[in-house]
Structures are given as structure tokens and as C-alpha cells.
Amino acid sequence: MSAALETVLRAESAHFTLLWEEASTVQRLVLRALAREPGHPQTKAYRDRHALPSAASVQKALRAMEQREVVAGERGAYRIVEPFLAEWLRASLGESGSAA
């Protein structure tokens, strides 16, 4: 990771940590999945790859995160709006799934 990226992630860490702590369990699972692979989280194949719950639960989580402008979707394809959040998630989340 570049020094500039590390500096940005450190500067935004408090904001991202708060966002993570306020997210529901399903929202956290969806965020982790989208950080790894933007795409179609409501499809069975995507949910299976990322161990996500039912499509209805994922949809509810996506709607809540869209309202907070954390994720954006078009034609069923979703992505994390803030690219540094996606990078922070990839860098901060270990195997246990808790923020570092």
C-alpha cells in the first residue's frame, strides 16, 4: 500500500470506524462483500460466494445503505460509493470480520 493511501486511510479511520460500528450485521456482511467484489449481491451465486443471507435481507441492508449514501446501485449492480471506504475495509478487516 502506498504511503499516500495509508495517510488517507488513517485520516478517515475514525469516520469509517463509526460507519462500521453503526452498520447492522447484514450491512457489514454486504459491505465486506462489496469491498471485495462490486456486483450483484442479491443473486444466489454472489450470496453463496460471500456467505450472505437471503436476498430479502440483503435488499433491506442495501436500501438502508443507499439512503445513507454508503452504497449505490444501478440495474442490480452495487458498489461502495466512497472508494477509500472499500480500501479501508479490505485493509482493516481480518478473518474474524471485526474492524481492526
Foldseek 3Di string as FASTA:
>chain_A
DDPVLVVVCVVCVVVLLVVCVPADPLLLLVLLLQLVPFFQCQDPVSCVVSVHDHSVSNVVSVVVCVVVQQWDDDPRTIHGRDNSSSVQSVVQADPVSDGD
